[in-house]
Amino acid sequence: MPNDRTDRPCRIRVQRPGPLLVEGPVEVELEDGTTVTSDRFRVALCTCRRSRRFPWCDTSHRRKA
């Protein structure tokens, strides 16, 4: 996937608790070797593994009220 922003590095924002916010587009290689892509301008990567859409965050990490 080409990087249209070659003049600056990819930005990843770390929030605790919560997902990693990555400026897209992104390509993610999973443990089993498969690759998933997103062409969105920002994606949230799940770090808690509770997401039903892993590796994309679906806010499953939030506590139920």
N, C-alpha and C. Protein backbone atom coordinates (compact mmCIF):
# COMPACT_ATOMS: atom_id res chain seq x y z
N MET A 1 0.85 -1.17 0.00
CA MET A 1 0.00 0.00 0.00
C MET A 1 0.90 1.24 0.00
N PRO A 2 0.79 2.12 -0.98
CA PRO A 2 1.67 3.28 -1.04
C PRO A 2 1.36 4.28 0.06
N ASN A 3 2.40 4.98 0.52
CA ASN A 3 2.25 6.00 1.55
C ASN A 3 2.28 7.36 0.88
N ASP A 4 1.15 8.07 0.89
CA ASP A 4 1.07 9.39 0.28
C ASP A 4 1.70 10.46 1.17
N ARG A 5 2.09 10.09 2.39
CA ARG A 5 2.64 11.05 3.34
C ARG A 5 4.11 10.77 3.58
N THR A 6 4.89 10.64 2.54
CA THR A 6 6.29 10.28 2.67
C THR A 6 7.11 11.35 3.37
N ASP A 7 6.58 12.57 3.47
CA ASP A 7 7.33 13.64 4.11
C ASP A 7 7.20 13.63 5.63
N ARG A 8 6.35 12.80 6.19
CA ARG A 8 6.22 12.72 7.64
C ARG A 8 5.90 11.29 8.06
N PRO A 9 6.29 10.93 9.27
CA PRO A 9 6.05 9.56 9.74
C PRO A 9 4.58 9.31 10.06
N CYS A 10 4.22 8.05 10.09
CA CYS A 10 2.88 7.65 10.49
C CYS A 10 2.70 7.97 11.97
N ARG A 11 1.57 8.52 12.34
CA ARG A 11 1.32 8.87 13.75
C ARG A 11 0.45 7.81 14.40
N ILE A 12 0.88 7.33 15.57
CA ILE A 12 0.13 6.37 16.37
C ILE A 12 -0.08 6.99 17.74
N ARG A 13 -1.35 7.09 18.17
CA ARG A 13 -1.65 7.66 19.47
C ARG A 13 -2.00 6.53 20.43
N VAL A 14 -1.33 6.51 21.59
CA VAL A 14 -1.58 5.50 22.61
C VAL A 14 -2.45 6.11 23.69
N GLN A 15 -3.56 5.44 24.01
CA GLN A 15 -4.45 5.88 25.08
C GLN A 15 -4.63 4.72 26.03
N ARG A 16 -4.73 5.01 27.30
CA ARG A 16 -4.90 3.94 28.27
C ARG A 16 -6.11 4.27 29.10
N PRO A 17 -7.08 3.45 29.29
CA PRO A 17 -7.28 2.21 28.53
C PRO A 17 -7.89 2.53 27.18
N GLY A 18 -7.66 1.71 26.25
CA GLY A 18 -8.26 1.93 24.94
C GLY A 18 -7.40 1.44 23.81
N PRO A 19 -7.85 1.71 22.60
CA PRO A 19 -7.16 1.23 21.41
C PRO A 19 -5.98 2.11 21.02
N LEU A 20 -5.20 1.62 20.08
CA LEU A 20 -4.17 2.44 19.45
C LEU A 20 -4.83 3.16 18.28
N LEU A 21 -4.70 4.46 18.22
CA LEU A 21 -5.25 5.23 17.11
C LEU A 21 -4.14 5.47 16.10
N VAL A 22 -4.35 5.00 14.87
CA VAL A 22 -3.33 5.05 13.83
C VAL A 22 -3.86 5.86 12.66
N GLU A 23 -3.05 6.83 12.20
CA GLU A 23 -3.43 7.58 11.02
C GLU A 23 -3.26 6.67 9.81
N GLY A 24 -4.34 6.53 9.02
CA GLY A 24 -4.35 5.59 7.93
C GLY A 24 -3.93 6.20 6.62
N PRO A 25 -4.03 5.45 5.56
CA PRO A 25 -4.46 4.06 5.48
C PRO A 25 -3.44 3.12 6.12
N VAL A 26 -3.91 1.94 6.54
CA VAL A 26 -3.02 1.00 7.22
C VAL A 26 -3.17 -0.40 6.65
N GLU A 27 -2.12 -1.17 6.86
CA GLU A 27 -2.10 -2.59 6.53
C GLU A 27 -1.59 -3.28 7.79
N VAL A 28 -2.35 -4.26 8.31
CA VAL A 28 -2.01 -4.94 9.55
C VAL A 28 -1.79 -6.42 9.26
N GLU A 29 -0.64 -6.93 9.68
CA GLU A 29 -0.37 -8.36 9.54
C GLU A 29 -0.71 -9.04 10.87
N LEU A 30 -1.61 -10.02 10.81
CA LEU A 30 -2.05 -10.74 12.00
C LEU A 30 -1.10 -11.88 12.34
N GLU A 31 -1.28 -12.48 13.52
CA GLU A 31 -0.42 -13.56 13.99
C GLU A 31 -0.34 -14.73 13.02
N ASP A 32 -1.46 -15.01 12.36
CA ASP A 32 -1.49 -16.16 11.45
C ASP A 32 -0.94 -15.84 10.06
N GLY A 33 -0.45 -14.62 9.89
CA GLY A 33 0.15 -14.23 8.62
C GLY A 33 -0.80 -13.56 7.65
N THR A 34 -2.11 -13.57 7.93
CA THR A 34 -3.04 -12.87 7.04
C THR A 34 -2.89 -11.37 7.21
N THR A 35 -3.28 -10.64 6.18
CA THR A 35 -3.16 -9.18 6.19
C THR A 35 -4.54 -8.57 6.02
N VAL A 36 -4.84 -7.57 6.83
CA VAL A 36 -6.09 -6.81 6.69
C VAL A 36 -5.71 -5.36 6.44
N THR A 37 -6.53 -4.67 5.66
CA THR A 37 -6.24 -3.28 5.31
C THR A 37 -7.44 -2.38 5.56
N SER A 38 -7.15 -1.12 5.76
CA SER A 38 -8.20 -0.10 5.87
C SER A 38 -7.69 1.16 5.19
N ASP A 39 -8.55 1.79 4.41
CA ASP A 39 -8.15 3.02 3.74
C ASP A 39 -8.73 4.26 4.44
N ARG A 40 -9.23 4.07 5.65
CA ARG A 40 -9.76 5.19 6.43
C ARG A 40 -8.65 6.13 6.85
N PHE A 41 -8.97 7.38 7.15
CA PHE A 41 -7.94 8.36 7.53
C PHE A 41 -7.42 8.11 8.94
N ARG A 42 -8.18 7.40 9.77
CA ARG A 42 -7.73 7.02 11.11
C ARG A 42 -8.43 5.72 11.49
N VAL A 43 -7.68 4.81 12.08
CA VAL A 43 -8.27 3.55 12.53
C VAL A 43 -7.91 3.33 13.99
N ALA A 44 -8.74 2.56 14.68
CA ALA A 44 -8.50 2.19 16.07
C ALA A 44 -8.18 0.71 16.11
N LEU A 45 -6.97 0.38 16.57
CA LEU A 45 -6.55 -1.01 16.67
C LEU A 45 -6.77 -1.50 18.09
N CYS A 46 -7.45 -2.62 18.22
CA CYS A 46 -7.80 -3.20 19.51
C CYS A 46 -6.54 -3.71 20.20
N THR A 47 -6.39 -3.38 21.49
CA THR A 47 -5.27 -3.89 22.28
C THR A 47 -5.72 -4.86 23.37
N CYS A 48 -7.03 -4.95 23.60
CA CYS A 48 -7.53 -5.83 24.68
C CYS A 48 -8.01 -7.18 24.16
N ARG A 49 -8.15 -7.30 22.84
CA ARG A 49 -8.61 -8.53 22.17
C ARG A 49 -10.06 -8.90 22.49
N ARG A 50 -10.85 -7.96 22.99
CA ARG A 50 -12.28 -8.23 23.24
C ARG A 50 -13.14 -7.92 22.02
N SER A 51 -12.57 -7.25 21.03
CA SER A 51 -13.32 -6.81 19.86
C SER A 51 -13.78 -8.00 19.02
N ARG A 52 -15.01 -7.95 18.58
CA ARG A 52 -15.53 -8.97 17.65
C ARG A 52 -15.01 -8.72 16.24
N ARG A 53 -14.41 -7.56 16.01
CA ARG A 53 -13.89 -7.17 14.69
C ARG A 53 -12.37 -7.09 14.70
N PHE A 54 -11.72 -7.79 15.65
CA PHE A 54 -10.27 -7.72 15.81
C PHE A 54 -9.57 -7.87 14.47
N PRO A 55 -8.60 -7.05 14.11
CA PRO A 55 -7.84 -6.14 14.96
C PRO A 55 -8.45 -4.76 15.12
N TRP A 56 -9.59 -4.50 14.49
CA TRP A 56 -10.23 -3.19 14.61
C TRP A 56 -11.00 -3.12 15.92
N CYS A 57 -10.91 -2.00 16.60
CA CYS A 57 -11.60 -1.82 17.88
C CYS A 57 -13.09 -1.57 17.64
N ASP A 58 -13.93 -2.23 18.46
CA ASP A 58 -15.37 -1.97 18.40
C ASP A 58 -15.88 -1.47 19.76
N THR A 59 -14.99 -0.95 20.58
CA THR A 59 -15.25 -0.40 21.92
C THR A 59 -15.70 -1.45 22.93
N SER A 60 -15.43 -2.71 22.70
CA SER A 60 -15.78 -3.77 23.65
C SER A 60 -14.99 -3.64 24.95
N HIS A 61 -13.90 -2.87 24.95
CA HIS A 61 -13.09 -2.70 26.14
C HIS A 61 -13.77 -1.82 27.19
N ARG A 62 -14.77 -1.07 26.77
CA ARG A 62 -15.47 -0.19 27.71
C ARG A 62 -16.25 -1.00 28.72
N ARG A 63 -16.23 -0.55 29.94
CA ARG A 63 -16.98 -1.24 31.00
C ARG A 63 -18.47 -1.02 30.79
N LYS A 64 -19.23 -2.05 31.07
CA LYS A 64 -20.68 -1.96 30.99
C LYS A 64 -21.20 -1.25 32.23
N ALA A 65 -22.12 -0.33 32.03
CA ALA A 65 -22.67 0.45 33.16
C ALA A 65 -23.77 -0.30 33.85
